[in-house]
Structures are given as C-alpha cells and as structure tokens.
Protein backbone atom coordinates (compact mmCIF):
# COMPACT_ATOMS: atom_id res chain seq x y z
CA UNK A 1 -3.78 14.57 -6.06
CA UNK A 2 -1.14 17.08 -6.15
CA UNK A 3 1.60 16.68 -8.51
CA UNK A 4 3.71 15.08 -5.86
CA UNK A 5 1.90 11.81 -5.41
CA UNK A 6 -0.66 13.42 -2.18
CA UNK A 7 -3.97 13.55 -2.07
CA UNK A 8 -5.15 16.89 -1.05
CA UNK A 9 -8.86 16.82 -0.79
CA UNK A 10 -11.35 13.58 0.24
CA UNK A 11 -14.48 14.68 0.70
CA UNK A 12 -17.47 12.91 2.77
CA UNK A 13 -19.09 10.02 0.93
CA UNK A 14 -22.32 10.29 -0.86
CA UNK A 15 -24.63 7.70 -1.22
CA UNK A 16 -28.26 7.31 -3.41
CA UNK A 17 -27.23 8.03 -7.03
CA UNK A 18 -25.43 11.71 -6.88
CA UNK A 19 -23.65 12.71 -10.26
CA UNK A 20 -19.72 13.47 -10.14
CA UNK A 21 -20.90 17.23 -10.99
CA UNK A 22 -23.30 17.28 -7.91
CA UNK A 23 -20.35 16.25 -5.24
CA UNK A 24 -18.07 18.32 -7.28
CA UNK A 25 -20.85 21.38 -6.37
CA UNK A 26 -21.81 20.88 -3.22
CA UNK A 27 -17.86 19.28 -1.22
CA UNK A 28 -16.40 22.09 -1.43
CA UNK A 29 -14.09 21.76 -3.19
CA UNK A 30 -13.91 23.71 -5.64
CA UNK A 31 -13.65 26.42 -2.89
CA UNK A 32 -10.56 25.13 -1.96
CA UNK A 33 -9.19 25.92 -5.69
CA UNK A 34 -6.20 28.34 -6.50
CA UNK A 35 -5.52 30.74 -9.64
CA UNK A 36 -3.24 27.81 -11.68
CA UNK A 37 -4.62 24.93 -10.35
CA UNK A 38 -5.17 22.59 -13.00
CA UNK A 39 -8.57 19.72 -12.44
CA UNK A 40 -7.77 16.80 -14.77
CA UNK A 41 -11.78 15.08 -15.15
CA UNK A 42 -12.79 12.65 -18.07
CA UNK A 43 -15.29 14.02 -20.92
CA UNK A 44 -18.50 14.76 -19.59
CA UNK A 45 -17.46 16.60 -16.63
CA UNK A 46 -17.86 19.98 -18.11
CA UNK A 47 -17.42 21.99 -15.00
CA UNK A 48 -15.06 24.76 -17.19
CA UNK A 49 -17.08 28.24 -16.20
CA UNK A 50 -16.85 26.50 -12.51
CA UNK A 51 -13.15 26.05 -11.97
CA UNK A 52 -12.04 29.30 -13.73
CA UNK A 53 -14.19 30.98 -11.51
CA UNK A 54 -12.18 29.44 -8.69
CA UNK A 55 -8.78 30.33 -10.80
CA UNK A 56 -8.72 26.74 -12.00
CA UNK A 57 -8.17 25.20 -15.55
CA UNK A 58 -10.74 21.53 -16.06
CA UNK A 59 -8.20 19.61 -18.67
CA UNK A 60 -10.22 17.02 -20.31
CA UNK A 61 -9.31 14.56 -22.80
CA UNK A 62 -10.29 15.80 -27.04
CA UNK A 63 -13.24 13.73 -28.07
CA UNK A 64 -14.58 12.68 -31.34
CA UNK A 65 -17.97 14.41 -31.11
CA UNK A 66 -18.84 15.46 -34.47
CA UNK A 67 -15.45 14.72 -36.00
CA UNK A 68 -14.21 11.75 -38.22
CA UNK A 69 -11.56 11.74 -35.56
CA UNK A 70 -8.68 13.25 -34.05
CA UNK A 71 -5.86 15.76 -35.14
CA UNK A 72 -2.37 14.87 -34.48
CA UNK A 73 -2.31 17.55 -31.45
CA UNK A 74 -5.22 16.41 -30.25
CA UNK A 75 -3.68 13.00 -30.22
CA UNK A 76 -0.69 13.60 -28.82
CA UNK A 77 -2.59 16.33 -26.07
CA UNK A 78 -5.00 13.13 -25.00
CA UNK A 79 -1.99 11.06 -24.53
CA UNK A 80 -0.14 13.78 -21.89
CA UNK A 81 -3.46 13.72 -20.20
CA UNK A 82 -3.91 10.12 -20.13
CA UNK A 83 -0.05 9.33 -18.55
CA UNK A 84 -0.82 11.39 -15.68
CA UNK A 85 -3.98 9.72 -15.21
CA UNK A 86 -2.56 6.19 -14.62
CA UNK A 87 -1.38 7.86 -11.77
CA UNK A 88 -3.72 9.53 -9.34
CA UNK A 89 -5.86 6.28 -10.38
CA UNK A 90 -3.66 4.19 -9.35
CA UNK A 91 -3.24 6.27 -6.15
CA UNK A 92 -7.17 6.25 -5.77
CA UNK A 93 -6.93 2.54 -6.03
CA UNK A 94 -4.31 2.54 -2.50
CA UNK A 95 -6.91 4.58 -1.01
CA UNK A 96 -9.30 2.20 -1.03
CA UNK A 97 -7.55 -0.77 -0.55
CA UNK A 98 -5.74 1.25 2.63
CA UNK A 99 -8.95 2.91 4.15
CA UNK A 100 -11.08 1.26 6.93
CA UNK A 101 -14.53 2.73 4.90
CA UNK A 102 -12.80 0.24 1.79
CA UNK A 103 -12.21 -3.02 3.43
CA UNK A 104 -14.46 -5.84 3.38
C-alpha cells in the first residue's frame, strides 16, 4: 500500500503452509523495492537484511522480549506504526470484499 492508499503489489495466491517470509522471498516483492521504501510488518517478520539489500527499511513494532516493559520512545514508535497499520488492514479488507477470488 502506498502512502496515498493505492495498492502497489499483489502476489499470486500461495496454497498450503507457505509462510509470510517464504511468500515475500519468492513473490518478486523485494525486487520492486526502491531506495528509501519502508516496509511495515508484524513482530516476528525478521527480514531486515533482505529488505535493506533491496534499498528498503523494515519497520516492526517494538516488543518486550527480555524486558519488563517498553521505553516511552518505543511505546510512541509502536503507536505511530499501529495508526498506519490500521489503514493498511482496512485497504486489505476492502480488497478481499471487492475481489471475486475472495467472494463467497
């Protein structure tokens, strides 16, 4: 999803137990990244190096692994990402509703 809300990439459908990382590595998405592009992802999507090699920057919400709590900066950073991700999830939902493949 671009900053203006346009869908910039849609991969082919993957069946079975394909992971998000597998799909990202094999869908051609990374080859479309340009210098300065930002990729938002969930926790556990550790592909910083793969995204960086293609000129992008991976942004993942902070998490408390090994810490009792997040710092104030980490909380604010995660909140900013969450506000953007809400809009991304909304666009994905609209795509599912308006695409014949997803229709029931």
